[in-house]
Amino acid sequence: MPVTVYLELHHPSLSAEVAPLPWSAWFHTWIAMVEPNAGKEYELTLRLTTDAEIQVLNCRYRDRDIPTDVLAFATRDDALPLSLEEPEYLGDIIISGDTACQQATESGHTLSIEITWLACHGLLHLLGWDHPDEAQLARMLAQQAECLEAVGLIPPMFRKCSVG
């Protein structure tokens, strides 16, 4: 189950810390944990940007004119049949490096952990997870923690992500 990650770095100070992370391997592990399908290939885009850009997207697509930490734009449509010969493009995960830096500092962990936490949260949204209530949010945060632990990372303390 190969996973191709198209990494787009549109934040001036994140390249050195984020680019060398093993994104494809991590997303592969996380997808296998929540959606095991050994014969399937996946693709997604992970974009790291600024508060200014994510605020524009948040306003346009969620009617919230404020920056947020992560947005997920899923392309999956269960009504459409998918070929097993073609990779499934799951969608786009967009993370604000500015907000991630602030949240990492406030929470006392590294920027890499924060961005990885948010990337995993975005992936779960691409795969159909949501958190319309506290019980489903708790379930999603617990899954995120399991995913980070599975790749050898210590998850941050549970807190709400501002993604919807």
N, C-alpha and C. Protein backbone atom coordinates (compact mmCIF):
# COMPACT_ATOMS: atom_id res chain seq x y z
N MET A 1 0.84 -1.17 0.00
CA MET A 1 0.00 0.00 0.00
C MET A 1 0.89 1.24 0.00
N PRO A 2 1.43 1.61 -1.12
CA PRO A 2 2.24 2.83 -1.18
C PRO A 2 1.38 4.08 -0.99
N VAL A 3 1.97 5.09 -0.37
CA VAL A 3 1.31 6.38 -0.19
C VAL A 3 2.26 7.45 -0.72
N THR A 4 1.80 8.19 -1.70
CA THR A 4 2.57 9.30 -2.24
C THR A 4 2.08 10.58 -1.59
N VAL A 5 3.01 11.33 -1.00
CA VAL A 5 2.68 12.59 -0.36
C VAL A 5 3.32 13.71 -1.17
N TYR A 6 2.49 14.60 -1.65
CA TYR A 6 2.98 15.78 -2.36
C TYR A 6 3.13 16.89 -1.32
N LEU A 7 4.38 17.15 -0.93
CA LEU A 7 4.66 18.12 0.11
C LEU A 7 4.87 19.49 -0.51
N GLU A 8 4.05 20.45 -0.09
CA GLU A 8 4.15 21.82 -0.57
C GLU A 8 4.50 22.71 0.62
N LEU A 9 5.66 23.32 0.58
CA LEU A 9 6.12 24.19 1.67
C LEU A 9 5.97 25.63 1.25
N HIS A 10 4.96 26.29 1.78
CA HIS A 10 4.68 27.68 1.47
C HIS A 10 4.78 28.54 2.72
N HIS A 11 5.63 28.10 3.62
CA HIS A 11 5.91 28.86 4.83
C HIS A 11 7.42 29.08 4.87
N PRO A 12 7.86 30.31 5.02
CA PRO A 12 9.28 30.61 4.84
C PRO A 12 10.24 29.92 5.81
N SER A 13 9.78 29.52 6.99
CA SER A 13 10.74 28.99 7.97
C SER A 13 10.58 27.52 8.30
N LEU A 14 9.75 26.78 7.59
CA LEU A 14 9.49 25.40 7.97
C LEU A 14 10.26 24.35 7.18
N SER A 15 10.87 24.71 6.09
CA SER A 15 11.49 23.73 5.20
C SER A 15 12.48 22.82 5.90
N ALA A 16 13.40 23.38 6.64
CA ALA A 16 14.47 22.59 7.24
C ALA A 16 13.95 21.58 8.26
N GLU A 17 12.93 21.96 9.00
CA GLU A 17 12.41 21.08 10.05
C GLU A 17 11.41 20.05 9.53
N VAL A 18 10.63 20.41 8.52
CA VAL A 18 9.51 19.57 8.10
C VAL A 18 9.83 18.72 6.86
N ALA A 19 10.55 19.25 5.93
CA ALA A 19 10.80 18.54 4.66
C ALA A 19 11.43 17.16 4.85
N PRO A 20 12.40 16.99 5.75
CA PRO A 20 13.03 15.67 5.84
C PRO A 20 12.24 14.61 6.61
N LEU A 21 11.10 14.95 7.15
CA LEU A 21 10.32 13.97 7.91
C LEU A 21 9.79 12.88 6.97
N PRO A 22 9.68 11.65 7.46
CA PRO A 22 9.26 10.52 6.61
C PRO A 22 7.74 10.47 6.39
N TRP A 23 7.23 11.49 5.71
CA TRP A 23 5.79 11.63 5.56
C TRP A 23 5.13 10.42 4.91
N SER A 24 5.69 9.92 3.81
CA SER A 24 5.05 8.79 3.11
C SER A 24 4.96 7.57 4.01
N ALA A 25 6.02 7.29 4.74
CA ALA A 25 6.01 6.14 5.65
C ALA A 25 4.99 6.33 6.77
N TRP A 26 4.93 7.54 7.32
CA TRP A 26 3.98 7.79 8.39
C TRP A 26 2.54 7.68 7.90
N PHE A 27 2.22 8.32 6.77
CA PHE A 27 0.86 8.23 6.25
C PHE A 27 0.50 6.78 5.90
N HIS A 28 1.46 6.04 5.38
CA HIS A 28 1.25 4.62 5.09
C HIS A 28 0.83 3.88 6.37
N THR A 29 1.58 4.09 7.44
CA THR A 29 1.29 3.43 8.71
C THR A 29 -0.09 3.83 9.22
N TRP A 30 -0.39 5.12 9.17
CA TRP A 30 -1.67 5.60 9.71
C TRP A 30 -2.85 5.08 8.90
N ILE A 31 -2.73 5.09 7.59
CA ILE A 31 -3.82 4.58 6.76
C ILE A 31 -4.03 3.09 7.03
N ALA A 32 -2.94 2.34 7.14
CA ALA A 32 -3.05 0.90 7.41
C ALA A 32 -3.72 0.63 8.76
N MET A 33 -3.56 1.54 9.71
CA MET A 33 -4.18 1.36 11.03
C MET A 33 -5.69 1.57 10.98
N VAL A 34 -6.15 2.52 10.19
CA VAL A 34 -7.57 2.87 10.24
C VAL A 34 -8.35 2.39 9.03
N GLU A 35 -7.66 2.02 7.98
CA GLU A 35 -8.33 1.59 6.75
C GLU A 35 -7.45 0.55 6.05
N PRO A 36 -7.31 -0.61 6.64
CA PRO A 36 -6.40 -1.60 6.04
C PRO A 36 -6.91 -2.08 4.68
N ASN A 37 -6.09 -1.88 3.68
CA ASN A 37 -6.38 -2.32 2.32
C ASN A 37 -5.04 -2.47 1.62
N ALA A 38 -4.42 -3.60 1.80
CA ALA A 38 -3.04 -3.82 1.37
C ALA A 38 -2.82 -3.59 -0.12
N GLY A 39 -3.83 -3.80 -0.96
CA GLY A 39 -3.63 -3.69 -2.38
C GLY A 39 -3.83 -2.30 -2.95
N LYS A 40 -4.19 -1.34 -2.13
CA LYS A 40 -4.56 -0.01 -2.61
C LYS A 40 -3.39 0.96 -2.50
N GLU A 41 -3.30 1.86 -3.47
CA GLU A 41 -2.33 2.95 -3.42
C GLU A 41 -3.08 4.25 -3.18
N TYR A 42 -2.42 5.14 -2.45
CA TYR A 42 -3.05 6.42 -2.10
C TYR A 42 -2.11 7.57 -2.43
N GLU A 43 -2.72 8.73 -2.64
CA GLU A 43 -1.99 9.98 -2.82
C GLU A 43 -2.70 11.06 -2.01
N LEU A 44 -1.93 12.05 -1.55
CA LEU A 44 -2.50 13.20 -0.88
C LEU A 44 -1.50 14.34 -0.96
N THR A 45 -2.00 15.54 -0.73
CA THR A 45 -1.14 16.71 -0.67
C THR A 45 -1.10 17.21 0.76
N LEU A 46 0.10 17.51 1.23
CA LEU A 46 0.31 18.13 2.54
C LEU A 46 0.94 19.48 2.27
N ARG A 47 0.20 20.54 2.58
CA ARG A 47 0.66 21.90 2.31
C ARG A 47 0.85 22.63 3.63
N LEU A 48 2.04 23.18 3.82
CA LEU A 48 2.33 23.98 5.00
C LEU A 48 2.41 25.43 4.58
N THR A 49 1.60 26.25 5.22
CA THR A 49 1.43 27.61 4.75
C THR A 49 1.42 28.59 5.91
N THR A 50 0.95 29.78 5.66
CA THR A 50 0.90 30.85 6.66
C THR A 50 -0.52 31.05 7.18
N ASP A 51 -0.61 31.79 8.28
CA ASP A 51 -1.94 32.14 8.80
C ASP A 51 -2.74 32.93 7.76
N ALA A 52 -2.07 33.82 7.02
CA ALA A 52 -2.79 34.63 6.03
C ALA A 52 -3.46 33.77 4.98
N GLU A 53 -2.73 32.78 4.44
CA GLU A 53 -3.32 31.92 3.41
C GLU A 53 -4.42 31.02 3.97
N ILE A 54 -4.19 30.44 5.13
CA ILE A 54 -5.20 29.53 5.67
C ILE A 54 -6.45 30.30 6.09
N GLN A 55 -6.30 31.56 6.49
CA GLN A 55 -7.46 32.38 6.82
C GLN A 55 -8.33 32.60 5.59
N VAL A 56 -7.72 32.85 4.45
CA VAL A 56 -8.47 33.03 3.20
C VAL A 56 -9.26 31.75 2.88
N LEU A 57 -8.61 30.60 3.01
CA LEU A 57 -9.28 29.32 2.73
C LEU A 57 -10.39 29.04 3.74
N ASN A 58 -10.12 29.33 5.01
CA ASN A 58 -11.11 29.11 6.06
C ASN A 58 -12.34 29.98 5.84
N CYS A 59 -12.11 31.21 5.38
CA CYS A 59 -13.22 32.12 5.10
C CYS A 59 -14.01 31.64 3.87
N ARG A 60 -13.30 31.28 2.83
CA ARG A 60 -13.94 30.88 1.57
C ARG A 60 -14.74 29.58 1.72
N TYR A 61 -14.17 28.60 2.41
CA TYR A 61 -14.80 27.28 2.43
C TYR A 61 -15.55 26.94 3.71
N ARG A 62 -15.31 27.71 4.79
CA ARG A 62 -15.98 27.39 6.05
C ARG A 62 -16.68 28.60 6.66
N ASP A 63 -16.66 29.72 5.94
CA ASP A 63 -17.30 30.95 6.41
C ASP A 63 -16.79 31.40 7.79
N ARG A 64 -15.52 31.16 8.03
CA ARG A 64 -14.88 31.60 9.28
C ARG A 64 -13.67 32.44 8.91
N ASP A 65 -13.76 33.73 9.13
CA ASP A 65 -12.72 34.67 8.70
C ASP A 65 -11.64 34.82 9.77
N ILE A 66 -11.06 33.69 10.14
CA ILE A 66 -9.96 33.65 11.10
C ILE A 66 -8.99 32.56 10.67
N PRO A 67 -7.73 32.67 11.08
CA PRO A 67 -6.81 31.56 10.79
C PRO A 67 -7.20 30.34 11.62
N THR A 68 -6.79 29.18 11.17
CA THR A 68 -7.01 27.93 11.89
C THR A 68 -5.73 27.11 11.79
N ASP A 69 -5.65 26.02 12.52
CA ASP A 69 -4.42 25.24 12.49
C ASP A 69 -4.35 24.28 11.30
N VAL A 70 -5.46 23.63 10.98
CA VAL A 70 -5.46 22.65 9.89
C VAL A 70 -6.81 22.61 9.20
N LEU A 71 -6.76 22.49 7.88
CA LEU A 71 -7.95 22.27 7.07
C LEU A 71 -7.74 21.00 6.27
N ALA A 72 -8.80 20.26 6.06
CA ALA A 72 -8.73 19.04 5.25
C ALA A 72 -9.82 19.11 4.19
N PHE A 73 -9.40 18.92 2.94
CA PHE A 73 -10.33 18.93 1.81
C PHE A 73 -10.31 17.54 1.17
N ALA A 74 -11.29 16.75 1.53
CA ALA A 74 -11.37 15.37 1.05
C ALA A 74 -11.92 15.32 -0.37
N THR A 75 -11.41 14.39 -1.15
CA THR A 75 -11.91 14.19 -2.50
C THR A 75 -12.65 12.87 -2.64
N ARG A 76 -12.67 12.09 -1.60
CA ARG A 76 -13.30 10.77 -1.65
C ARG A 76 -14.80 10.90 -1.82
N ASP A 77 -15.33 10.11 -2.75
CA ASP A 77 -16.77 10.05 -3.00
C ASP A 77 -17.14 8.58 -3.07
N ASP A 78 -17.77 8.10 -2.02
CA ASP A 78 -18.11 6.67 -1.94
C ASP A 78 -19.08 6.23 -3.03
N ALA A 79 -19.75 7.18 -3.68
CA ALA A 79 -20.69 6.84 -4.73
C ALA A 79 -19.99 6.49 -6.04
N LEU A 80 -18.73 6.91 -6.16
CA LEU A 80 -17.99 6.64 -7.40
C LEU A 80 -17.15 5.39 -7.26
N PRO A 81 -17.22 4.49 -8.22
CA PRO A 81 -16.36 3.30 -8.15
C PRO A 81 -14.91 3.69 -8.42
N LEU A 82 -14.00 3.10 -7.66
CA LEU A 82 -12.58 3.38 -7.84
C LEU A 82 -11.86 2.15 -8.37
N SER A 83 -10.96 2.39 -9.27
CA SER A 83 -10.15 1.31 -9.82
C SER A 83 -9.03 0.98 -8.85
N LEU A 84 -8.78 -0.29 -8.62
CA LEU A 84 -7.66 -0.69 -7.78
C LEU A 84 -6.32 -0.48 -8.50
N GLU A 85 -6.37 -0.28 -9.82
CA GLU A 85 -5.13 -0.07 -10.57
C GLU A 85 -4.61 1.35 -10.45
N GLU A 86 -5.47 2.29 -10.11
CA GLU A 86 -5.09 3.70 -9.99
C GLU A 86 -5.01 4.08 -8.52
N PRO A 87 -4.04 4.93 -8.16
CA PRO A 87 -4.01 5.40 -6.77
C PRO A 87 -5.25 6.26 -6.48
N GLU A 88 -5.72 6.18 -5.26
CA GLU A 88 -6.83 7.03 -4.84
C GLU A 88 -6.26 8.32 -4.28
N TYR A 89 -6.65 9.44 -4.87
CA TYR A 89 -6.24 10.74 -4.35
C TYR A 89 -7.20 11.10 -3.23
N LEU A 90 -6.69 11.13 -2.00
CA LEU A 90 -7.54 11.35 -0.82
C LEU A 90 -7.93 12.81 -0.64
N GLY A 91 -7.05 13.74 -1.03
CA GLY A 91 -7.36 15.15 -0.86
C GLY A 91 -6.17 15.94 -0.38
N ASP A 92 -6.47 17.11 0.19
CA ASP A 92 -5.44 18.06 0.61
C ASP A 92 -5.54 18.33 2.11
N ILE A 93 -4.39 18.33 2.76
CA ILE A 93 -4.29 18.74 4.16
C ILE A 93 -3.46 20.03 4.16
N ILE A 94 -4.02 21.08 4.73
CA ILE A 94 -3.34 22.37 4.76
C ILE A 94 -3.15 22.76 6.22
N ILE A 95 -1.90 23.02 6.58
CA ILE A 95 -1.54 23.35 7.96
C ILE A 95 -0.92 24.73 7.99
N SER A 96 -1.35 25.55 8.93
CA SER A 96 -0.72 26.86 9.13
C SER A 96 0.51 26.68 10.00
N GLY A 97 1.67 26.97 9.43
CA GLY A 97 2.91 26.91 10.19
C GLY A 97 2.93 27.93 11.32
N ASP A 98 2.31 29.09 11.09
CA ASP A 98 2.27 30.13 12.12
C ASP A 98 1.51 29.63 13.35
N THR A 99 0.31 29.09 13.11
CA THR A 99 -0.50 28.59 14.22
C THR A 99 0.15 27.36 14.85
N ALA A 100 0.73 26.49 14.05
CA ALA A 100 1.42 25.31 14.59
C ALA A 100 2.57 25.71 15.49
N CYS A 101 3.34 26.72 15.08
CA CYS A 101 4.46 27.21 15.92
C CYS A 101 3.94 27.73 17.26
N GLN A 102 2.87 28.51 17.21
CA GLN A 102 2.29 29.07 18.42
C GLN A 102 1.77 27.96 19.34
N GLN A 103 1.04 26.98 18.77
CA GLN A 103 0.48 25.90 19.57
C GLN A 103 1.58 25.02 20.15
N ALA A 104 2.65 24.77 19.41
CA ALA A 104 3.76 23.97 19.92
C ALA A 104 4.40 24.67 21.11
N THR A 105 4.62 25.97 20.98
CA THR A 105 5.22 26.74 22.07
C THR A 105 4.33 26.72 23.31
N GLU A 106 3.04 26.99 23.11
CA GLU A 106 2.09 27.01 24.22
C GLU A 106 1.97 25.65 24.90
N SER A 107 2.09 24.58 24.13
CA SER A 107 1.92 23.23 24.67
C SER A 107 3.22 22.61 25.16
N GLY A 108 4.34 23.24 24.85
CA GLY A 108 5.62 22.76 25.34
C GLY A 108 6.18 21.54 24.62
N HIS A 109 5.87 21.40 23.34
CA HIS A 109 6.47 20.32 22.57
C HIS A 109 7.04 20.90 21.27
N THR A 110 7.67 20.05 20.47
CA THR A 110 8.35 20.54 19.28
C THR A 110 7.37 20.87 18.15
N LEU A 111 7.85 21.68 17.25
CA LEU A 111 7.07 22.02 16.06
C LEU A 111 6.80 20.77 15.22
N SER A 112 7.78 19.90 15.12
CA SER A 112 7.59 18.66 14.35
C SER A 112 6.44 17.82 14.91
N ILE A 113 6.36 17.72 16.24
CA ILE A 113 5.27 16.96 16.85
C ILE A 113 3.94 17.63 16.55
N GLU A 114 3.88 18.94 16.65
CA GLU A 114 2.63 19.66 16.40
C GLU A 114 2.17 19.47 14.96
N ILE A 115 3.09 19.63 14.02
CA ILE A 115 2.72 19.49 12.61
C ILE A 115 2.32 18.06 12.30
N THR A 116 3.01 17.10 12.89
CA THR A 116 2.67 15.69 12.68
C THR A 116 1.29 15.39 13.26
N TRP A 117 1.01 15.91 14.43
CA TRP A 117 -0.31 15.76 15.07
C TRP A 117 -1.41 16.31 14.17
N LEU A 118 -1.18 17.50 13.64
CA LEU A 118 -2.18 18.14 12.78
C LEU A 118 -2.32 17.39 11.45
N ALA A 119 -1.20 16.89 10.90
CA ALA A 119 -1.26 16.13 9.65
C ALA A 119 -2.07 14.86 9.84
N CYS A 120 -1.89 14.19 10.96
CA CYS A 120 -2.66 12.98 11.26
C CYS A 120 -4.14 13.33 11.42
N HIS A 121 -4.44 14.42 12.09
CA HIS A 121 -5.83 14.86 12.25
C HIS A 121 -6.46 15.11 10.88
N GLY A 122 -5.72 15.80 10.01
CA GLY A 122 -6.22 16.07 8.67
C GLY A 122 -6.45 14.79 7.88
N LEU A 123 -5.53 13.82 8.02
CA LEU A 123 -5.70 12.54 7.32
C LEU A 123 -6.98 11.84 7.77
N LEU A 124 -7.22 11.83 9.05
CA LEU A 124 -8.45 11.17 9.53
C LEU A 124 -9.69 11.84 8.92
N HIS A 125 -9.66 13.15 8.79
CA HIS A 125 -10.77 13.83 8.12
C HIS A 125 -10.87 13.38 6.66
N LEU A 126 -9.73 13.26 5.96
CA LEU A 126 -9.77 12.80 4.57
C LEU A 126 -10.38 11.41 4.45
N LEU A 127 -10.20 10.60 5.49
CA LEU A 127 -10.71 9.23 5.48
C LEU A 127 -12.14 9.13 6.02
N GLY A 128 -12.76 10.29 6.30
CA GLY A 128 -14.16 10.27 6.69
C GLY A 128 -14.44 10.46 8.17
N TRP A 129 -13.41 10.59 8.99
CA TRP A 129 -13.63 10.82 10.42
C TRP A 129 -14.12 12.25 10.61
N ASP A 130 -14.89 12.46 11.67
CA ASP A 130 -15.34 13.80 12.02
C ASP A 130 -15.56 13.85 13.52
N HIS A 131 -15.77 15.03 14.04
CA HIS A 131 -15.96 15.20 15.49
C HIS A 131 -17.05 16.22 15.78
N PRO A 132 -18.30 15.88 15.41
CA PRO A 132 -19.40 16.81 15.66
C PRO A 132 -19.80 16.90 17.13
N ASP A 133 -19.32 15.96 17.97
CA ASP A 133 -19.65 16.00 19.39
C ASP A 133 -18.43 15.57 20.20
N GLU A 134 -18.51 15.73 21.49
CA GLU A 134 -17.37 15.45 22.37
C GLU A 134 -16.94 13.98 22.33
N ALA A 135 -17.90 13.07 22.23
CA ALA A 135 -17.56 11.64 22.21
C ALA A 135 -16.76 11.29 20.96
N GLN A 136 -17.19 11.81 19.80
CA GLN A 136 -16.45 11.51 18.57
C GLN A 136 -15.12 12.24 18.53
N LEU A 137 -15.05 13.43 19.13
CA LEU A 137 -13.77 14.13 19.22
C LEU A 137 -12.79 13.32 20.07
N ALA A 138 -13.25 12.81 21.20
CA ALA A 138 -12.39 12.00 22.07
C ALA A 138 -11.89 10.76 21.33
N ARG A 139 -12.76 10.13 20.56
CA ARG A 139 -12.38 8.95 19.79
C ARG A 139 -11.32 9.31 18.74
N MET A 140 -11.52 10.46 18.08
CA MET A 140 -10.58 10.89 17.04
C MET A 140 -9.22 11.25 17.65
N LEU A 141 -9.22 11.95 18.77
CA LEU A 141 -7.96 12.31 19.42
C LEU A 141 -7.22 11.07 19.92
N ALA A 142 -7.96 10.09 20.42
CA ALA A 142 -7.33 8.85 20.85
C ALA A 142 -6.70 8.12 19.66
N GLN A 143 -7.37 8.13 18.51
CA GLN A 143 -6.81 7.51 17.30
C GLN A 143 -5.56 8.25 16.86
N GLN A 144 -5.58 9.58 16.92
CA GLN A 144 -4.39 10.35 16.58
C GLN A 144 -3.22 9.96 17.47
N ALA A 145 -3.48 9.84 18.76
CA ALA A 145 -2.41 9.46 19.70
C ALA A 145 -1.85 8.09 19.34
N GLU A 146 -2.73 7.13 19.04
CA GLU A 146 -2.27 5.80 18.63
C GLU A 146 -1.43 5.87 17.37
N CYS A 147 -1.84 6.69 16.43
CA CYS A 147 -1.11 6.83 15.18
C CYS A 147 0.29 7.39 15.41
N LEU A 148 0.40 8.42 16.23
CA LEU A 148 1.72 8.98 16.50
C LEU A 148 2.61 7.98 17.22
N GLU A 149 2.04 7.28 18.19
CA GLU A 149 2.81 6.27 18.91
C GLU A 149 3.28 5.17 17.97
N ALA A 150 2.47 4.82 16.97
CA ALA A 150 2.82 3.75 16.03
C ALA A 150 4.05 4.09 15.18
N VAL A 151 4.33 5.39 15.02
CA VAL A 151 5.52 5.80 14.25
C VAL A 151 6.64 6.28 15.17
N GLY A 152 6.51 5.96 16.47
CA GLY A 152 7.57 6.27 17.41
C GLY A 152 7.59 7.68 17.94
N LEU A 153 6.47 8.38 17.84
CA LEU A 153 6.39 9.75 18.35
C LEU A 153 5.51 9.81 19.58
N ILE A 154 5.80 10.74 20.44
CA ILE A 154 5.00 10.94 21.64
C ILE A 154 3.96 12.00 21.32
N PRO A 155 2.69 11.62 21.39
CA PRO A 155 1.64 12.60 21.04
C PRO A 155 1.58 13.72 22.07
N PRO A 156 1.16 14.91 21.62
CA PRO A 156 0.97 16.00 22.58
C PRO A 156 -0.22 15.72 23.47
N MET A 157 -0.32 16.49 24.52
CA MET A 157 -1.48 16.36 25.41
C MET A 157 -2.75 16.58 24.59
N PHE A 158 -3.79 15.86 24.90
CA PHE A 158 -5.06 16.02 24.17
C PHE A 158 -5.57 17.44 24.32
N ARG A 159 -5.91 18.01 23.20
CA ARG A 159 -6.57 19.31 23.16
C ARG A 159 -7.35 19.34 21.88
N LYS A 160 -8.25 20.24 21.78
CA LYS A 160 -9.07 20.34 20.57
C LYS A 160 -8.26 20.95 19.45
N CYS A 161 -8.39 20.39 18.25
CA CYS A 161 -7.87 21.03 17.06
C CYS A 161 -8.95 21.99 16.62
N SER A 162 -8.58 23.04 15.93
CA SER A 162 -9.60 23.99 15.52
C SER A 162 -10.18 23.67 14.15
N VAL A 163 -9.78 22.55 13.56
CA VAL A 163 -10.35 22.14 12.29
C VAL A 163 -11.78 21.69 12.48
N GLY A 164 -12.57 21.85 11.47
CA GLY A 164 -13.97 21.39 11.56
C GLY A 164 -14.19 20.18 10.74
